[in-house]
PDB file of N, CA and C in Angstrom:
ATOM      1  N   UNK A   1     145.462 102.010  95.684  1.00  0.00           N
ATOM      2  CA  UNK A   1     144.628 101.054  95.695  1.00  0.00           C
ATOM      3  C   UNK A   1     144.865 100.746  97.599  1.00  0.00           C
ATOM      4  N   UNK A   2     143.607 101.260  97.970  1.00  0.00           N
ATOM      5  CA  UNK A   2     143.638 100.861  99.775  1.00  0.00           C
ATOM      6  C   UNK A   2     143.322  99.589 100.138  1.00  0.00           C
ATOM      7  N   UNK A   3     143.781  99.181 101.390  1.00  0.00           N
ATOM      8  CA  UNK A   3     143.975  98.146 102.144  1.00  0.00           C
ATOM      9  C   UNK A   3     143.158  98.022 103.026  1.00  0.00           C
ATOM     10  N   UNK A   4     142.068  99.002 103.040  1.00  0.00           N
ATOM     11  CA  UNK A   4     140.787  98.869 103.596  1.00  0.00           C
ATOM     12  C   UNK A   4     139.960  97.813 103.125  1.00  0.00           C
ATOM     13  N   UNK A   5     139.321  96.920 103.928  1.00  0.00           N
ATOM     14  CA  UNK A   5     138.392  96.142 103.586  1.00  0.00           C
ATOM     15  C   UNK A   5     137.408  96.985 103.037  1.00  0.00           C
ATOM     16  N   UNK A   6     136.490  96.005 102.268  1.00  0.00           N
ATOM     17  CA  UNK A   6     135.400  96.567 101.888  1.00  0.00           C
ATOM     18  C   UNK A   6     133.836  96.842 102.691  1.00  0.00           C
ATOM     19  N   UNK A   7     133.181  97.500 102.641  1.00  0.00           N
ATOM     20  CA  UNK A   7     132.137  97.552 103.588  1.00  0.00           C
ATOM     21  C   UNK A   7     131.286  96.179 103.386  1.00  0.00           C
ATOM     22  N   UNK A   8     130.625  95.883 104.442  1.00  0.00           N
ATOM     23  CA  UNK A   8     129.753  94.885 104.563  1.00  0.00           C
ATOM     24  C   UNK A   8     128.582  95.001 103.646  1.00  0.00           C
ATOM     25  N   UNK A   9     128.010  94.308 102.783  1.00  0.00           N
ATOM     26  CA  UNK A   9     126.721  94.374 102.051  1.00  0.00           C
ATOM     27  C   UNK A   9     125.939  93.842 103.229  1.00  0.00           C
ATOM     28  N   UNK A  10     124.766  95.317 103.495  1.00  0.00           N
ATOM     29  CA  UNK A  10     123.674  95.377 104.405  1.00  0.00           C
ATOM     30  C   UNK A  10     122.532  94.497 103.684  1.00  0.00           C
ATOM     31  N   UNK A  11     121.892  93.261 103.946  1.00  0.00           N
ATOM     32  CA  UNK A  11     120.712  92.979 103.064  1.00  0.00           C
ATOM     33  C   UNK A  11     119.530  92.597 104.248  1.00  0.00           C
ATOM     34  N   UNK A  12     117.798  93.258 104.292  1.00  0.00           N
ATOM     35  CA  UNK A  12     117.403  93.273 104.645  1.00  0.00           C
ATOM     36  C   UNK A  12     116.703  92.080 104.387  1.00  0.00           C
ATOM     37  N   UNK A  13     115.482  91.281 105.206  1.00  0.00           N
ATOM     38  CA  UNK A  13     114.780  89.989 105.279  1.00  0.00           C
ATOM     39  C   UNK A  13     113.472  90.408 105.060  1.00  0.00           C
ATOM     40  N   UNK A  14     112.568  90.870 104.616  1.00  0.00           N
ATOM     41  CA  UNK A  14     110.756  90.946 104.093  1.00  0.00           C
ATOM     42  C   UNK A  14     110.511  89.725 103.574  1.00  0.00           C
ATOM     43  N   UNK A  15     110.662  88.358 104.884  1.00  0.00           N
ATOM     44  CA  UNK A  15     109.696  87.276 104.399  1.00  0.00           C
ATOM     45  C   UNK A  15     108.618  86.953 105.476  1.00  0.00           C
ATOM     46  N   UNK A  16     108.000  86.799 104.820  1.00  0.00           N
ATOM     47  CA  UNK A  16     106.301  86.637 105.819  1.00  0.00           C
ATOM     48  C   UNK A  16     106.248  85.650 106.625  1.00  0.00           C
ATOM     49  N   UNK A  17     106.949  84.433 106.289  1.00  0.00           N
ATOM     50  CA  UNK A  17     107.513  83.153 106.242  1.00  0.00           C
ATOM     51  C   UNK A  17     108.313  82.970 107.753  1.00  0.00           C
ATOM     52  N   UNK A  18     108.158  83.059 109.181  1.00  0.00           N
ATOM     53  CA  UNK A  18     108.983  83.071 109.946  1.00  0.00           C
ATOM     54  C   UNK A  18     109.833  81.604 110.145  1.00  0.00           C
ATOM     55  N   UNK A  19     109.537  80.482 109.692  1.00  0.00           N
ATOM     56  CA  UNK A  19     110.241  79.769 109.213  1.00  0.00           C
ATOM     57  C   UNK A  19     111.787  79.993 108.561  1.00  0.00           C
ATOM     58  N   UNK A  20     110.859  80.537 107.361  1.00  0.00           N
ATOM     59  CA  UNK A  20     111.524  80.456 106.118  1.00  0.00           C
ATOM     60  C   UNK A  20     112.688  81.934 106.292  1.00  0.00           C
ATOM     61  N   UNK A  21     112.539  83.008 107.159  1.00  0.00           N
ATOM     62  CA  UNK A  21     112.830  83.885 107.689  1.00  0.00           C
ATOM     63  C   UNK A  21     114.292  83.606 108.316  1.00  0.00           C
ATOM     64  N   UNK A  22     113.989  82.301 109.398  1.00  0.00           N
ATOM     65  CA  UNK A  22     114.843  82.137 110.288  1.00  0.00           C
ATOM     66  C   UNK A  22     116.224  81.016 109.948  1.00  0.00           C
ATOM     67  N   UNK A  23     115.791  80.778 108.593  1.00  0.00           N
ATOM     68  CA  UNK A  23     116.477  79.775 107.831  1.00  0.00           C
ATOM     69  C   UNK A  23     117.267  80.612 107.259  1.00  0.00           C
ATOM     70  N   UNK A  24     117.201  81.769 106.225  1.00  0.00           N
ATOM     71  CA  UNK A  24     118.036  82.574 105.947  1.00  0.00           C
ATOM     72  C   UNK A  24     118.813  83.480 106.626  1.00  0.00           C
ATOM     73  N   UNK A  25     118.180  83.892 107.684  1.00  0.00           N
ATOM     74  CA  UNK A  25     118.956  84.838 108.549  1.00  0.00           C
ATOM     75  C   UNK A  25     120.175  83.779 109.211  1.00  0.00           C
ATOM     76  N   UNK A  26     119.859  82.943 109.381  1.00  0.00           N
ATOM     77  CA  UNK A  26     121.026  81.682 109.403  1.00  0.00           C
ATOM     78  C   UNK A  26     122.122  81.433 108.632  1.00  0.00           C
ATOM     79  N   UNK A  27     121.671  81.230 107.592  1.00  0.00           N
ATOM     80  CA  UNK A  27     122.318  80.892 106.174  1.00  0.00           C
ATOM     81  C   UNK A  27     123.217  81.991 106.156  1.00  0.00           C
ATOM     82  N   UNK A  28     122.392  83.555 105.721  1.00  0.00           N
ATOM     83  CA  UNK A  28     123.324  84.551 105.389  1.00  0.00           C
ATOM     84  C   UNK A  28     124.290  85.027 106.417  1.00  0.00           C
ATOM     85  N   UNK A  29     123.741  84.709 107.989  1.00  0.00           N
ATOM     86  CA  UNK A  29     124.726  85.042 109.314  1.00  0.00           C
ATOM     87  C   UNK A  29     126.228  84.503 108.838  1.00  0.00           C
ATOM     88  N   UNK A  30     126.421  83.960 108.337  1.00  0.00           N
ATOM     89  CA  UNK A  30     127.884  82.803 107.893  1.00  0.00           C
ATOM     90  C   UNK A  30     128.750  83.112 106.666  1.00  0.00           C
ATOM     91  N   UNK A  31     127.758  84.271 106.178  1.00  0.00           N
ATOM     92  CA  UNK A  31     128.785  84.439 104.879  1.00  0.00           C
ATOM     93  C   UNK A  31     129.739  85.873 105.010  1.00  0.00           C
ATOM     94  N   UNK A  32     130.524  85.812 104.833  1.00  0.00           N
ATOM     95  CA  UNK A  32     131.375  86.776 104.824  1.00  0.00           C
ATOM     96  C   UNK A  32     131.322  87.947 104.198  1.00  0.00           C
ATOM     97  N   UNK A  33     131.407  89.114 104.554  1.00  0.00           N
ATOM     98  CA  UNK A  33     131.236  90.295 103.862  1.00  0.00           C
ATOM     99  C   UNK A  33     129.682  90.440 103.700  1.00  0.00           C
ATOM    100  N   UNK A  34     128.799  90.118 104.088  1.00  0.00           N
ATOM    101  CA  UNK A  34     127.067  89.734 104.207  1.00  0.00           C
ATOM    102  C   UNK A  34     127.183  90.183 105.977  1.00  0.00           C
ATOM    103  N   UNK A  35     126.020  91.486 105.986  1.00  0.00           N
ATOM    104  CA  UNK A  35     125.535  91.260 107.646  1.00  0.00           C
ATOM    105  C   UNK A  35     123.746  91.650 107.124  1.00  0.00           C
ATOM    106  N   UNK A  36     123.136  91.221 107.857  1.00  0.00           N
ATOM    107  CA  UNK A  36     121.322  91.687 108.045  1.00  0.00           C
ATOM    108  C   UNK A  36     121.418  92.812 108.507  1.00  0.00           C
ATOM    109  N   UNK A  37     120.555  93.434 108.196  1.00  0.00           N
ATOM    110  CA  UNK A  37     119.870  95.150 108.346  1.00  0.00           C
ATOM    111  C   UNK A  37     119.449  94.720 109.629  1.00  0.00           C
ATOM    112  N   UNK A  38     119.497  95.802 111.127  1.00  0.00           N
ATOM    113  CA  UNK A  38     118.928  96.144 112.129  1.00  0.00           C
ATOM    114  C   UNK A  38     117.672  96.628 111.602  1.00  0.00           C
ATOM    115  N   UNK A  39     116.129  96.605 112.130  1.00  0.00           N
ATOM    116  CA  UNK A  39     115.353  96.802 112.181  1.00  0.00           C
ATOM    117  C   UNK A  39     115.308  98.785 112.142  1.00  0.00           C
ATOM    118  N   UNK A  40     115.128  99.298 110.939  1.00  0.00           N
ATOM    119  CA  UNK A  40     114.978 100.821 110.994  1.00  0.00           C
ATOM    120  C   UNK A  40     116.609 100.854 109.865  1.00  0.00           C
ATOM    121  N   UNK A  41     117.664 100.386 109.967  1.00  0.00           N
ATOM    122  CA  UNK A  41     118.300 100.512 109.616  1.00  0.00           C
ATOM    123  C   UNK A  41     118.666 100.480 107.628  1.00  0.00           C
ATOM    124  N   UNK A  42     119.146 101.182 106.784  1.00  0.00           N
ATOM    125  CA  UNK A  42     119.017 101.507 105.189  1.00  0.00           C
ATOM    126  C   UNK A  42     120.007 100.278 105.100  1.00  0.00           C
ATOM    127  N   UNK A  43     119.400  99.408 104.159  1.00  0.00           N
ATOM    128  CA  UNK A  43     119.686  98.468 104.006  1.00  0.00           C
ATOM    129  C   UNK A  43     120.269  98.397 101.970  1.00  0.00           C
ATOM    130  N   UNK A  44     121.554  97.736 101.762  1.00  0.00           N
ATOM    131  CA  UNK A  44     122.207  97.497 100.434  1.00  0.00           C
ATOM    132  C   UNK A  44     121.455  96.981  99.733  1.00  0.00           C
ATOM    133  N   UNK A  45     120.966  95.774  99.854  1.00  0.00           N
ATOM    134  CA  UNK A  45     120.028  94.761  99.218  1.00  0.00           C
ATOM    135  C   UNK A  45     118.464  94.316 100.306  1.00  0.00           C
ATOM    136  N   UNK A  46     117.935  94.050  99.244  1.00  0.00           N
ATOM    137  CA  UNK A  46     116.429  92.990 100.478  1.00  0.00           C
ATOM    138  C   UNK A  46     116.113  91.593  99.478  1.00  0.00           C
ATOM    139  N   UNK A  47     116.095  90.949  99.918  1.00  0.00           N
ATOM    140  CA  UNK A  47     115.170  89.533 100.180  1.00  0.00           C
ATOM    141  C   UNK A  47     113.858  89.543 100.596  1.00  0.00           C
ATOM    142  N   UNK A  48     112.957  89.795  99.352  1.00  0.00           N
ATOM    143  CA  UNK A  48     111.395  89.648 100.221  1.00  0.00           C
ATOM    144  C   UNK A  48     110.794  88.200  99.626  1.00  0.00           C
ATOM    145  N   UNK A  49     109.299  87.857 100.087  1.00  0.00           N
ATOM    146  CA  UNK A  49     109.435  87.218  99.829  1.00  0.00           C
ATOM    147  C   UNK A  49     107.957  86.764 100.514  1.00  0.00           C
ATOM    148  N   UNK A  50     106.320  87.151 100.013  1.00  0.00           N
ATOM    149  CA  UNK A  50     105.419  87.119 100.402  1.00  0.00           C
ATOM    150  C   UNK A  50     104.534  86.098  99.806  1.00  0.00           C
ATOM    151  N   UNK A  51     103.986  86.034 101.212  1.00  0.00           N
ATOM    152  CA  UNK A  51     102.700  84.523 100.994  1.00  0.00           C
ATOM    153  C   UNK A  51     101.428  84.986  99.774  1.00  0.00           C
ATOM    154  N   UNK A  52     101.364  84.255  99.050  1.00  0.00           N
ATOM    155  CA  UNK A  52     100.186  84.671  97.875  1.00  0.00           C
ATOM    156  C   UNK A  52      99.630  85.310  98.359  1.00  0.00           C
ATOM    157  N   UNK A  53      98.713  85.374  99.762  1.00  0.00           N
ATOM    158  CA  UNK A  53      97.656  86.244 100.093  1.00  0.00           C
ATOM    159  C   UNK A  53      98.100  87.505 100.001  1.00  0.00           C
ATOM    160  N   UNK A  54      99.417  87.613 100.884  1.00  0.00           N
ATOM    161  CA  UNK A  54      99.503  88.823 101.169  1.00  0.00           C
ATOM    162  C   UNK A  54     100.034  89.519 100.250  1.00  0.00           C
ATOM    163  N   UNK A  55     100.908  89.214  99.227  1.00  0.00           N
ATOM    164  CA  UNK A  55     101.541  89.497  98.151  1.00  0.00           C
ATOM    165  C   UNK A  55     100.458  90.104  96.640  1.00  0.00           C
ATOM    166  N   UNK A  56      99.393  89.379  96.864  1.00  0.00           N
ATOM    167  CA  UNK A  56      98.500  89.223  95.772  1.00  0.00           C
ATOM    168  C   UNK A  56      97.307  89.555  96.361  1.00  0.00           C
ATOM    169  N   UNK A  57      97.039  89.992  97.233  1.00  0.00           N
ATOM    170  CA  UNK A  57      95.903  90.527  98.046  1.00  0.00           C
ATOM    171  C   UNK A  57      95.213  89.165  98.173  1.00  0.00           C
ATOM    172  N   UNK A  58      95.135  87.925  97.862  1.00  0.00           N
ATOM    173  CA  UNK A  58      94.201  87.036  98.267  1.00  0.00           C
ATOM    174  C   UNK A  58      93.546  86.574  96.497  1.00  0.00           C
ATOM    175  N   UNK A  59      92.407  87.515  96.758  1.00  0.00           N
ATOM    176  CA  UNK A  59      91.189  87.047  95.375  1.00  0.00           C
ATOM    177  C   UNK A  59      91.683  87.549  94.205  1.00  0.00           C
ATOM    178  N   UNK A  60      92.883  88.034  93.888  1.00  0.00           N
ATOM    179  CA  UNK A  60      93.194  88.587  92.640  1.00  0.00           C
ATOM    180  C   UNK A  60      94.940  88.636  92.264  1.00  0.00           C
ATOM    181  N   UNK A  61      94.813  88.745  90.965  1.00  0.00           N
ATOM    182  CA  UNK A  61      96.156  89.088  90.220  1.00  0.00           C
ATOM    183  C   UNK A  61      96.683  90.256  89.759  1.00  0.00           C
ATOM    184  N   UNK A  62      97.587  91.037  89.788  1.00  0.00           N
ATOM    185  CA  UNK A  62      98.508  92.149  89.347  1.00  0.00           C
ATOM    186  C   UNK A  62      99.391  91.738  88.357  1.00  0.00           C
ATOM    187  N   UNK A  63      99.315  92.075  87.329  1.00  0.00           N
ATOM    188  CA  UNK A  63     100.212  91.829  85.983  1.00  0.00           C
ATOM    189  C   UNK A  63     101.148  92.583  86.625  1.00  0.00           C
ATOM    190  N   UNK A  64     102.043  92.613  86.138  1.00  0.00           N
ATOM    191  CA  UNK A  64     103.807  93.093  86.207  1.00  0.00           C
ATOM    192  C   UNK A  64     103.261  94.852  85.552  1.00  0.00           C
ATOM    193  N   UNK A  65     102.855  94.955  84.756  1.00  0.00           N
ATOM    194  CA  UNK A  65     102.341  96.426  84.518  1.00  0.00           C
ATOM    195  C   UNK A  65     101.605  96.785  85.181  1.00  0.00           C
ATOM    196  N   UNK A  66     100.317  96.312  85.926  1.00  0.00           N
ATOM    197  CA  UNK A  66      99.745  96.609  86.473  1.00  0.00           C
ATOM    198  C   UNK A  66     100.295  97.532  88.269  1.00  0.00           C
ATOM    199  N   UNK A  67     101.338  96.338  88.308  1.00  0.00           N
ATOM    200  CA  UNK A  67     101.542  96.792  89.745  1.00  0.00           C
ATOM    201  C   UNK A  67     102.993  98.512  89.595  1.00  0.00           C
ATOM    202  N   UNK A  68     103.164  98.393  88.037  1.00  0.00           N
ATOM    203  CA  UNK A  68     104.210  99.334  87.866  1.00  0.00           C
ATOM    204  C   UNK A  68     103.383 100.674  87.896  1.00  0.00           C
ATOM    205  N   UNK A  69     102.325 100.298  87.133  1.00  0.00           N
ATOM    206  CA  UNK A  69     101.703 101.756  87.132  1.00  0.00           C
ATOM    207  C   UNK A  69     100.669 101.921  88.425  1.00  0.00           C
ATOM    208  N   UNK A  70     100.500 101.093  89.398  1.00  0.00           N
ATOM    209  CA  UNK A  70     100.370 100.917  91.158  1.00  0.00           C
ATOM    210  C   UNK A  70     101.055 101.913  91.687  1.00  0.00           C
ATOM    211  N   UNK A  71     102.697 101.580  91.692  1.00  0.00           N
ATOM    212  CA  UNK A  71     103.833 102.430  92.390  1.00  0.00           C
ATOM    213  C   UNK A  71     103.839 103.811  92.052  1.00  0.00           C
ATOM    214  N   UNK A  72     103.433 103.823  90.204  1.00  0.00           N
ATOM    215  CA  UNK A  72     103.336 105.262  89.796  1.00  0.00           C
ATOM    216  C   UNK A  72     101.809 105.677  90.824  1.00  0.00           C
ATOM    217  N   UNK A  73     101.233 105.503  90.835  1.00  0.00           N
ATOM    218  CA  UNK A  73      99.843 106.092  91.288  1.00  0.00           C
ATOM    219  C   UNK A  73     100.399 106.156  92.799  1.00  0.00           C
ATOM    220  N   UNK A  74     100.664 105.474  93.090  1.00  0.00           N
ATOM    221  CA  UNK A  74     100.970 105.932  94.493  1.00  0.00           C
ATOM    222  C   UNK A  74     101.948 107.208  94.936  1.00  0.00           C
ATOM    223  N   UNK A  75     102.469 107.096  93.856  1.00  0.00           N
ATOM    224  CA  UNK A  75     103.564 108.605  93.792  1.00  0.00           C
ATOM    225  C   UNK A  75     103.059 110.343  93.513  1.00  0.00           C
ATOM    226  N   UNK A  76     101.515 109.606  92.869  1.00  0.00           N
ATOM    227  CA  UNK A  76     100.717 110.384  92.335  1.00  0.00           C
ATOM    228  C   UNK A  76     100.496 110.869  91.154  1.00  0.00           C
ATOM    229  N   UNK A  77     100.908 109.618  90.555  1.00  0.00           N
ATOM    230  CA  UNK A  77     101.323 110.516  89.192  1.00  0.00           C
ATOM    231  C   UNK A  77      99.551 110.025  88.286  1.00  0.00           C
ATOM    232  N   UNK A  78      99.524 111.238  86.973  1.00  0.00           N
ATOM    233  CA  UNK A  78      98.897 111.187  86.382  1.00  0.00           C
ATOM    234  C   UNK A  78      98.733 110.172  85.419  1.00  0.00           C
ATOM    235  N   UNK A  79      97.362 110.182  84.915  1.00  0.00           N
ATOM    236  CA  UNK A  79      97.613 109.407  83.443  1.00  0.00           C
ATOM    237  C   UNK A  79      98.678 109.517  82.488  1.00  0.00           C
ATOM    238  N   UNK A  80      98.593 111.097  82.492  1.00  0.00           N
ATOM    239  CA  UNK A  80      99.370 111.507  80.973  1.00  0.00           C
ATOM    240  C   UNK A  80     101.189 111.421  82.256  1.00  0.00           C
ATOM    241  N   UNK A  81     101.661 110.991  83.324  1.00  0.00           N
ATOM    242  CA  UNK A  81     102.677 111.021  83.844  1.00  0.00           C
ATOM    243  C   UNK A  81     102.943 109.661  83.764  1.00  0.00           C
ATOM    244  N   UNK A  82     102.263 108.624  83.647  1.00  0.00           N
ATOM    245  CA  UNK A  82     102.271 107.404  83.576  1.00  0.00           C
ATOM    246  C   UNK A  82     103.007 106.768  82.446  1.00  0.00           C
ATOM    247  N   UNK A  83     101.770 107.400  81.412  1.00  0.00           N
ATOM    248  CA  UNK A  83     102.162 106.712  79.929  1.00  0.00           C
ATOM    249  C   UNK A  83     103.527 107.555  79.863  1.00  0.00           C
ATOM    250  N   UNK A  84     104.034 108.519  79.714  1.00  0.00           N
ATOM    251  CA  UNK A  84     105.380 108.496  79.863  1.00  0.00           C
ATOM    252  C   UNK A  84     106.388 108.080  80.660  1.00  0.00           C
ATOM    253  N   UNK A  85     106.126 107.747  81.831  1.00  0.00           N
ATOM    254  CA  UNK A  85     107.744 106.748  82.445  1.00  0.00           C
ATOM    255  C   UNK A  85     107.372 105.490  81.985  1.00  0.00           C
ATOM    256  N   UNK A  86     105.828 104.898  81.169  1.00  0.00           N
ATOM    257  CA  UNK A  86     105.919 103.949  80.672  1.00  0.00           C
ATOM    258  C   UNK A  86     106.241 103.613  79.513  1.00  0.00           C
ATOM    259  N   UNK A  87     106.318 104.895  78.972  1.00  0.00           N
ATOM    260  CA  UNK A  87     106.195 104.242  77.251  1.00  0.00           C
ATOM    261  C   UNK A  87     105.364 103.906  76.803  1.00  0.00           C
ATOM    262  N   UNK A  88     104.021 104.326  77.126  1.00  0.00           N
ATOM    263  CA  UNK A  88     102.784 103.881  76.687  1.00  0.00           C
ATOM    264  C   UNK A  88     102.303 104.827  76.587  1.00  0.00           C
ATOM    265  N   UNK A  89     100.743 104.787  75.512  1.00  0.00           N
ATOM    266  CA  UNK A  89     100.093 105.781  75.057  1.00  0.00           C
ATOM    267  C   UNK A  89      99.134 106.317  77.048  1.00  0.00           C
ATOM    268  N   UNK A  90      98.316 106.930  76.655  1.00  0.00           N
ATOM    269  CA  UNK A  90      97.436 107.773  77.693  1.00  0.00           C
ATOM    270  C   UNK A  90      96.381 106.822  77.973  1.00  0.00           C
ATOM    271  N   UNK A  91      96.042 106.215  76.456  1.00  0.00           N
ATOM    272  CA  UNK A  91      94.455 105.607  76.509  1.00  0.00           C
ATOM    273  C   UNK A  91      94.807 104.221  77.309  1.00  0.00           C
ATOM    274  N   UNK A  92      95.887 103.596  77.044  1.00  0.00           N
ATOM    275  CA  UNK A  92      96.729 102.302  78.211  1.00  0.00           C
ATOM    276  C   UNK A  92      96.899 102.530  79.384  1.00  0.00           C
ATOM    277  N   UNK A  93      97.103 103.562  79.657  1.00  0.00           N
ATOM    278  CA  UNK A  93      97.309 104.153  80.794  1.00  0.00           C
ATOM    279  C   UNK A  93      95.930 104.073  81.804  1.00  0.00           C
ATOM    280  N   UNK A  94      95.129 104.935  81.276  1.00  0.00           N
ATOM    281  CA  UNK A  94      93.740 104.760  81.807  1.00  0.00           C
ATOM    282  C   UNK A  94      93.212 103.066  81.642  1.00  0.00           C
ATOM    283  N   UNK A  95      93.283 102.336  80.602  1.00  0.00           N
ATOM    284  CA  UNK A  95      93.059 101.068  80.787  1.00  0.00           C
ATOM    285  C   UNK A  95      93.656 100.486  82.206  1.00  0.00           C
ATOM    286  N   UNK A  96      95.263 100.641  82.542  1.00  0.00           N
ATOM    287  CA  UNK A  96      95.748  99.750  83.632  1.00  0.00           C
ATOM    288  C   UNK A  96      94.733 100.413  84.772  1.00  0.00           C
ATOM    289  N   UNK A  97      95.114 101.676  85.047  1.00  0.00           N
ATOM    290  CA  UNK A  97      94.310 102.242  86.276  1.00  0.00           C
ATOM    291  C   UNK A  97      92.769 101.523  86.248  1.00  0.00           C
ATOM    292  N   UNK A  98      92.011 101.779  85.268  1.00  0.00           N
ATOM    293  CA  UNK A  98      90.713 100.894  85.164  1.00  0.00           C
ATOM    294  C   UNK A  98      90.123  99.616  85.776  1.00  0.00           C
ATOM    295  N   UNK A  99      91.704  98.878  85.282  1.00  0.00           N
ATOM    296  CA  UNK A  99      91.865  97.457  85.769  1.00  0.00           C
ATOM    297  C   UNK A  99      92.259  97.594  87.158  1.00  0.00           C
ATOM    298  N   UNK A 100      92.837  98.409  87.460  1.00  0.00           N
ATOM    299  CA  UNK A 100      93.347  97.996  89.135  1.00  0.00           C
ATOM    300  C   UNK A 100      92.229  98.970  89.244  1.00  0.00           C
ATOM    301  N   UNK A 101      90.995  99.762  89.759  1.00  0.00           N
ATOM    302  CA  UNK A 101      90.200 100.071  90.411  1.00  0.00           C
ATOM    303  C   UNK A 101      89.193  98.638  90.628  1.00  0.00           C
ATOM    304  N   UNK A 102      88.691  98.211  89.306  1.00  0.00           N
ATOM    305  CA  UNK A 102      88.201  97.132  89.338  1.00  0.00           C
ATOM    306  C   UNK A 102      88.535  96.131  90.006  1.00  0.00           C
ATOM    307  N   UNK A 103      89.965  95.447  89.795  1.00  0.00           N
ATOM    308  CA  UNK A 103      90.487  94.644  90.837  1.00  0.00           C
ATOM    309  C   UNK A 103      90.538  94.894  92.151  1.00  0.00           C
ATOM    310  N   UNK A 104      91.075  96.349  92.513  1.00  0.00           N
ATOM    311  CA  UNK A 104      91.226  96.582  94.768  1.00  0.00           C
ATOM    312  C   UNK A 104      90.192  96.904  94.920  1.00  0.00           C
ATOM    313  N   UNK A 105      88.673  96.971  93.515  1.00  0.00           N
ATOM    314  CA  UNK A 105      87.822  97.342  94.309  1.00  0.00           C
ATOM    315  C   UNK A 105      87.716  98.648  94.805  1.00  0.00           C
ATOM    316  N   UNK A 106      87.713  99.474  94.235  1.00  0.00           N
ATOM    317  CA  UNK A 106      88.318 100.933  95.053  1.00  0.00           C
ATOM    318  C   UNK A 106      87.101 101.787  93.913  1.00  0.00           C
ATOM    319  N   UNK A 107      87.496 103.043  94.747  1.00  0.00           N
ATOM    320  CA  UNK A 107      86.189 103.923  94.052  1.00  0.00           C
ATOM    321  C   UNK A 107      86.933 105.118  93.517  1.00  0.00           C
ATOM    322  N   UNK A 108      88.515 105.026  93.267  1.00  0.00           N
ATOM    323  CA  UNK A 108      89.686 105.804  93.059  1.00  0.00           C
ATOM    324  C   UNK A 108      90.796 105.550  93.090  1.00  0.00           C
ATOM    325  N   UNK A 109      91.372 106.367  92.865  1.00  0.00           N
ATOM    326  CA  UNK A 109      93.354 106.487  92.869  1.00  0.00           C
ATOM    327  C   UNK A 109      93.527 106.165  94.061  1.00  0.00           C
ATOM    328  N   UNK A 110      93.343 107.444  94.723  1.00  0.00           N
ATOM    329  CA  UNK A 110      93.801 106.985  96.151  1.00  0.00           C
ATOM    330  C   UNK A 110      93.428 106.244  97.458  1.00  0.00           C
ATOM    331  N   UNK A 111      92.200 105.301  96.895  1.00  0.00           N
ATOM    332  CA  UNK A 111      91.812 104.310  97.614  1.00  0.00           C
ATOM    333  C   UNK A 111      92.409 103.381  97.133  1.00  0.00           C
ATOM    334  N   UNK A 112      92.399 102.965  95.602  1.00  0.00           N
ATOM    335  CA  UNK A 112      93.526 101.995  95.268  1.00  0.00           C
ATOM    336  C   UNK A 112      94.474 101.977  95.722  1.00  0.00           C
ATOM    337  N   UNK A 113      95.118 102.586  96.179  1.00  0.00           N
ATOM    338  CA  UNK A 113      96.329 102.327  96.606  1.00  0.00           C
ATOM    339  C   UNK A 113      96.121 102.266  97.727  1.00  0.00           C
ATOM    340  N   UNK A 114      95.309 102.728  98.587  1.00  0.00           N
ATOM    341  CA  UNK A 114      95.006 102.187 100.437  1.00  0.00           C
ATOM    342  C   UNK A 114      94.895 101.191 100.212  1.00  0.00           C
ATOM    343  N   UNK A 115      93.745 100.638  98.849  1.00  0.00           N
ATOM    344  CA  UNK A 115      93.373  98.625  99.497  1.00  0.00           C
ATOM    345  C   UNK A 115      94.609  98.253  99.126  1.00  0.00           C
ATOM    346  N   UNK A 116      95.472  98.738  98.192  1.00  0.00           N
ATOM    347  CA  UNK A 116      96.881  97.735  97.754  1.00  0.00           C
ATOM    348  C   UNK A 116      97.900  97.783  99.054  1.00  0.00           C
ATOM    349  N   UNK A 117      98.273  99.168  99.467  1.00  0.00           N
ATOM    350  CA  UNK A 117      99.037  98.811 101.014  1.00  0.00           C
ATOM    351  C   UNK A 117      98.133  98.269 101.857  1.00  0.00           C
ATOM    352  N   UNK A 118      97.069  98.093 102.534  1.00  0.00           N
ATOM    353  CA  UNK A 118      96.605  97.366 103.284  1.00  0.00           C
ATOM    354  C   UNK A 118      96.556  95.684 103.065  1.00  0.00           C
ATOM    355  N   UNK A 119      96.749  95.825 101.698  1.00  0.00           N
ATOM    356  CA  UNK A 119      96.317  94.206 101.698  1.00  0.00           C
ATOM    357  C   UNK A 119      98.331  93.938 101.448  1.00  0.00           C
ATOM    358  N   UNK A 120      98.965  94.588 101.841  1.00  0.00           N
ATOM    359  CA  UNK A 120     100.165  94.044 101.205  1.00  0.00           C
ATOM    360  C   UNK A 120     101.295  94.221  99.953  1.00  0.00           C
ATOM    361  N   UNK A 121     100.102  94.475  98.839  1.00  0.00           N
ATOM    362  CA  UNK A 121     100.236  95.095  97.766  1.00  0.00           C
ATOM    363  C   UNK A 121     101.463  95.619  97.478  1.00  0.00           C
ATOM    364  N   UNK A 122     101.979  96.804  97.953  1.00  0.00           N
ATOM    365  CA  UNK A 122     103.156  97.521  97.889  1.00  0.00           C
ATOM    366  C   UNK A 122     102.912  98.069  99.581  1.00  0.00           C
ATOM    367  N   UNK A 123     104.343  98.689  99.373  1.00  0.00           N
ATOM    368  CA  UNK A 123     104.866  98.940 100.806  1.00  0.00           C
ATOM    369  C   UNK A 123     104.790 100.708 100.537  1.00  0.00           C
ATOM    370  N   UNK A 124     104.206 101.612 101.572  1.00  0.00           N
ATOM    371  CA  UNK A 124     104.544 102.693 101.452  1.00  0.00           C
ATOM    372  C   UNK A 124     105.278 103.667 102.211  1.00  0.00           C
TER     373      UNK A 124
END
């Protein structure tokens, strides 16, 4: 066994509310073995808290499965690839993509990803 201390756990804070972000930074700053990531630094873990408007785009709610599909759309996955990755039928994948297009008021898959990114639903 090595006597060297374990490296710090680096935590990134992605919080819309600046008051909450400051409170968490203060609390976490005093915990031994943890430190907050500096901008651009790779973090070991992240704490993410988005306001309802930023996280859900304001006037719509996405289901957890729709968020999974949206993430795969952002990777450029086809309906067949989405179905395989999520263990669903191609028909169900098409249904979820259509639902996303409607909820995001998008004209296509790329447009849906762009709308979601602008509304803060996903990070690219």
